[in-house]
Amino acid sequence: MARGHQKIQSQQKNAKKQEQLKKGQGSDQKTAAQKALVHKCTVCMAQMPDPKTYKQHFESRHPKATMPPELVDVVA
């Protein structure tokens, strides 16, 4: 019966290890994606990765609003 008990302990230890690996990978991807979104729309608070995308968003979603000064000279 000793081997049966060792087997159960080994399975529990492996399950705990796999859970920690899965949890660690998920948060790393999420934080990396969040760090990439550095520009924030002043009207709708949507986040964009670069000024070109931000300007395209602003022109298509908010055509009546005045363009923010940081987007005036950006070439889209």
N, C-alpha and C. Protein backbone atom coordinates (compact mmCIF):
# COMPACT_ATOMS: atom_id res chain seq x y z
N MET A 1 0.82 -1.20 0.00
CA MET A 1 0.00 0.00 0.00
C MET A 1 0.86 1.26 0.00
N ALA A 2 2.11 1.13 0.35
CA ALA A 2 2.99 2.29 0.39
C ALA A 2 3.12 2.93 -0.97
N ARG A 3 3.21 2.12 -2.02
CA ARG A 3 3.36 2.68 -3.36
C ARG A 3 2.11 3.46 -3.76
N GLY A 4 0.95 3.01 -3.39
CA GLY A 4 -0.29 3.72 -3.69
C GLY A 4 -0.30 5.11 -3.05
N HIS A 5 0.17 5.20 -1.82
CA HIS A 5 0.22 6.49 -1.13
C HIS A 5 1.23 7.42 -1.78
N GLN A 6 2.38 6.89 -2.19
CA GLN A 6 3.40 7.69 -2.87
C GLN A 6 2.88 8.20 -4.21
N LYS A 7 2.12 7.35 -4.88
CA LYS A 7 1.55 7.74 -6.17
C LYS A 7 0.60 8.92 -6.02
N ILE A 8 -0.25 8.88 -5.03
CA ILE A 8 -1.21 9.97 -4.78
C ILE A 8 -0.47 11.26 -4.44
N GLN A 9 0.55 11.16 -3.60
CA GLN A 9 1.32 12.34 -3.23
C GLN A 9 2.02 12.93 -4.46
N SER A 10 2.57 12.07 -5.29
CA SER A 10 3.25 12.52 -6.49
C SER A 10 2.28 13.23 -7.44
N GLN A 11 1.09 12.69 -7.59
CA GLN A 11 0.08 13.31 -8.46
C GLN A 11 -0.34 14.67 -7.93
N GLN A 12 -0.52 14.78 -6.63
CA GLN A 12 -0.90 16.05 -6.04
C GLN A 12 0.21 17.09 -6.20
N LYS A 13 1.44 16.67 -6.00
CA LYS A 13 2.58 17.57 -6.15
C LYS A 13 2.69 18.05 -7.60
N ASN A 14 2.51 17.15 -8.55
CA ASN A 14 2.58 17.50 -9.97
C ASN A 14 1.44 18.44 -10.35
N ALA A 15 0.24 18.20 -9.85
CA ALA A 15 -0.91 19.06 -10.15
C ALA A 15 -0.67 20.48 -9.62
N LYS A 16 -0.11 20.58 -8.43
CA LYS A 16 0.19 21.89 -7.85
C LYS A 16 1.25 22.62 -8.68
N LYS A 17 2.27 21.89 -9.12
CA LYS A 17 3.32 22.48 -9.93
C LYS A 17 2.77 22.97 -11.28
N GLN A 18 1.94 22.18 -11.92
CA GLN A 18 1.35 22.56 -13.20
C GLN A 18 0.45 23.78 -13.05
N GLU A 19 -0.29 23.86 -11.97
CA GLU A 19 -1.17 25.01 -11.71
C GLU A 19 -0.35 26.30 -11.56
N GLN A 20 0.76 26.22 -10.86
CA GLN A 20 1.61 27.39 -10.68
C GLN A 20 2.22 27.82 -12.00
N LEU A 21 2.63 26.88 -12.83
CA LEU A 21 3.19 27.22 -14.15
C LEU A 21 2.14 27.90 -15.02
N LYS A 22 0.93 27.37 -15.02
CA LYS A 22 -0.15 27.94 -15.83
C LYS A 22 -0.50 29.34 -15.35
N LYS A 23 -0.56 29.52 -14.05
CA LYS A 23 -0.89 30.83 -13.48
C LYS A 23 0.19 31.85 -13.81
N GLY A 24 1.43 31.46 -13.76
CA GLY A 24 2.55 32.36 -14.06
C GLY A 24 2.57 32.80 -15.51
N GLN A 25 2.29 31.91 -16.43
CA GLN A 25 2.30 32.25 -17.85
C GLN A 25 1.17 33.20 -18.20
N GLY A 26 -0.01 32.98 -17.67
CA GLY A 26 -1.16 33.82 -18.00
C GLY A 26 -0.96 35.26 -17.59
N SER A 27 -0.44 35.50 -16.42
CA SER A 27 -0.27 36.86 -15.94
C SER A 27 0.84 37.58 -16.71
N ASP A 28 1.86 36.87 -17.12
CA ASP A 28 2.94 37.50 -17.88
C ASP A 28 2.44 38.02 -19.22
N GLN A 29 1.63 37.25 -19.91
CA GLN A 29 1.09 37.69 -21.19
C GLN A 29 0.15 38.86 -21.00
N LYS A 30 -0.64 38.80 -19.96
CA LYS A 30 -1.60 39.88 -19.71
C LYS A 30 -0.89 41.19 -19.38
N THR A 31 0.13 41.13 -18.54
CA THR A 31 0.83 42.35 -18.18
C THR A 31 1.62 42.90 -19.36
N ALA A 32 2.18 42.02 -20.19
CA ALA A 32 2.92 42.48 -21.38
C ALA A 32 1.98 43.17 -22.35
N ALA A 33 0.81 42.62 -22.54
CA ALA A 33 -0.17 43.23 -23.44
C ALA A 33 -0.63 44.58 -22.90
N GLN A 34 -0.81 44.67 -21.60
CA GLN A 34 -1.25 45.92 -20.99
C GLN A 34 -0.16 46.99 -21.10
N LYS A 35 1.10 46.62 -20.99
CA LYS A 35 2.19 47.58 -21.11
C LYS A 35 2.32 48.12 -22.52
N ALA A 36 1.92 47.32 -23.51
CA ALA A 36 2.03 47.75 -24.91
C ALA A 36 1.02 48.83 -25.26
N LEU A 37 -0.07 48.92 -24.52
CA LEU A 37 -1.11 49.92 -24.79
C LEU A 37 -0.78 51.21 -24.04
N VAL A 38 -0.04 52.09 -24.71
CA VAL A 38 0.46 53.28 -24.02
C VAL A 38 -0.32 54.55 -24.31
N HIS A 39 -1.07 54.60 -25.40
CA HIS A 39 -1.84 55.79 -25.75
C HIS A 39 -3.30 55.59 -25.38
N LYS A 40 -3.90 56.61 -24.78
CA LYS A 40 -5.28 56.51 -24.31
C LYS A 40 -6.11 57.61 -24.94
N CYS A 41 -7.22 57.24 -25.56
CA CYS A 41 -8.11 58.20 -26.21
C CYS A 41 -8.72 59.13 -25.16
N THR A 42 -8.71 60.42 -25.47
CA THR A 42 -9.22 61.40 -24.51
C THR A 42 -10.74 61.41 -24.45
N VAL A 43 -11.40 60.87 -25.46
CA VAL A 43 -12.86 60.89 -25.50
C VAL A 43 -13.45 59.63 -24.89
N CYS A 44 -13.05 58.46 -25.40
CA CYS A 44 -13.67 57.21 -24.96
C CYS A 44 -12.77 56.37 -24.04
N MET A 45 -11.57 56.82 -23.77
CA MET A 45 -10.60 56.15 -22.89
C MET A 45 -10.15 54.78 -23.41
N ALA A 46 -10.31 54.52 -24.71
CA ALA A 46 -9.78 53.29 -25.30
C ALA A 46 -8.27 53.39 -25.38
N GLN A 47 -7.58 52.26 -25.29
CA GLN A 47 -6.13 52.27 -25.29
C GLN A 47 -5.61 51.73 -26.62
N MET A 48 -4.56 52.38 -27.14
CA MET A 48 -3.94 52.00 -28.41
C MET A 48 -2.44 51.84 -28.23
N PRO A 49 -1.81 51.01 -29.08
CA PRO A 49 -0.37 50.77 -28.92
C PRO A 49 0.53 51.85 -29.49
N ASP A 50 0.09 52.59 -30.52
CA ASP A 50 0.96 53.59 -31.13
C ASP A 50 0.16 54.79 -31.61
N PRO A 51 0.84 55.92 -31.89
CA PRO A 51 0.13 57.15 -32.27
C PRO A 51 -0.59 57.03 -33.62
N LYS A 52 -0.07 56.23 -34.53
CA LYS A 52 -0.72 56.07 -35.83
C LYS A 52 -2.10 55.43 -35.66
N THR A 53 -2.17 54.38 -34.89
CA THR A 53 -3.44 53.72 -34.62
C THR A 53 -4.38 54.65 -33.86
N TYR A 54 -3.82 55.40 -32.93
CA TYR A 54 -4.60 56.35 -32.15
C TYR A 54 -5.24 57.39 -33.07
N LYS A 55 -4.48 57.93 -34.02
CA LYS A 55 -5.02 58.95 -34.93
C LYS A 55 -6.11 58.35 -35.81
N GLN A 56 -5.89 57.13 -36.33
CA GLN A 56 -6.91 56.48 -37.15
C GLN A 56 -8.18 56.25 -36.34
N HIS A 57 -8.03 55.83 -35.10
CA HIS A 57 -9.17 55.64 -34.21
C HIS A 57 -9.92 56.95 -34.01
N PHE A 58 -9.16 58.00 -33.73
CA PHE A 58 -9.78 59.28 -33.44
C PHE A 58 -10.53 59.82 -34.65
N GLU A 59 -9.94 59.69 -35.84
CA GLU A 59 -10.60 60.19 -37.05
C GLU A 59 -11.86 59.40 -37.38
N SER A 60 -11.85 58.11 -37.14
CA SER A 60 -13.01 57.30 -37.50
C SER A 60 -14.10 57.30 -36.42
N ARG A 61 -13.72 57.30 -35.16
CA ARG A 61 -14.70 57.21 -34.07
C ARG A 61 -15.20 58.56 -33.57
N HIS A 62 -14.38 59.58 -33.65
CA HIS A 62 -14.73 60.89 -33.10
C HIS A 62 -14.50 62.00 -34.12
N PRO A 63 -15.18 61.97 -35.26
CA PRO A 63 -14.91 62.96 -36.31
C PRO A 63 -15.29 64.40 -35.93
N LYS A 64 -16.25 64.57 -35.03
CA LYS A 64 -16.69 65.91 -34.66
C LYS A 64 -15.86 66.52 -33.53
N ALA A 65 -15.13 65.71 -32.81
CA ALA A 65 -14.30 66.20 -31.70
C ALA A 65 -13.01 66.81 -32.25
N THR A 66 -12.47 67.75 -31.51
CA THR A 66 -11.21 68.38 -31.94
C THR A 66 -10.04 67.43 -31.70
N MET A 67 -9.12 67.42 -32.65
CA MET A 67 -7.97 66.53 -32.59
C MET A 67 -7.03 66.95 -31.46
N PRO A 68 -6.59 66.01 -30.63
CA PRO A 68 -5.64 66.35 -29.57
C PRO A 68 -4.32 66.85 -30.17
N PRO A 69 -3.64 67.75 -29.50
CA PRO A 69 -2.41 68.34 -30.07
C PRO A 69 -1.31 67.32 -30.36
N GLU A 70 -1.26 66.21 -29.61
CA GLU A 70 -0.21 65.23 -29.86
C GLU A 70 -0.43 64.42 -31.14
N LEU A 71 -1.64 64.52 -31.74
CA LEU A 71 -1.94 63.78 -32.98
C LEU A 71 -1.92 64.65 -34.23
N VAL A 72 -1.74 65.93 -34.09
CA VAL A 72 -1.82 66.83 -35.24
C VAL A 72 -0.74 66.53 -36.28
N ASP A 73 0.48 66.30 -35.85
CA ASP A 73 1.58 66.07 -36.80
C ASP A 73 1.86 64.60 -37.10
N VAL A 74 1.06 63.67 -36.59
CA VAL A 74 1.26 62.25 -36.84
C VAL A 74 0.73 61.91 -38.22
N VAL A 75 1.53 61.17 -38.99
CA VAL A 75 1.13 60.75 -40.33
C VAL A 75 0.46 59.38 -40.21
N ALA A 76 -0.80 59.32 -40.60
CA ALA A 76 -1.55 58.07 -40.47
C ALA A 76 -1.54 57.27 -41.75
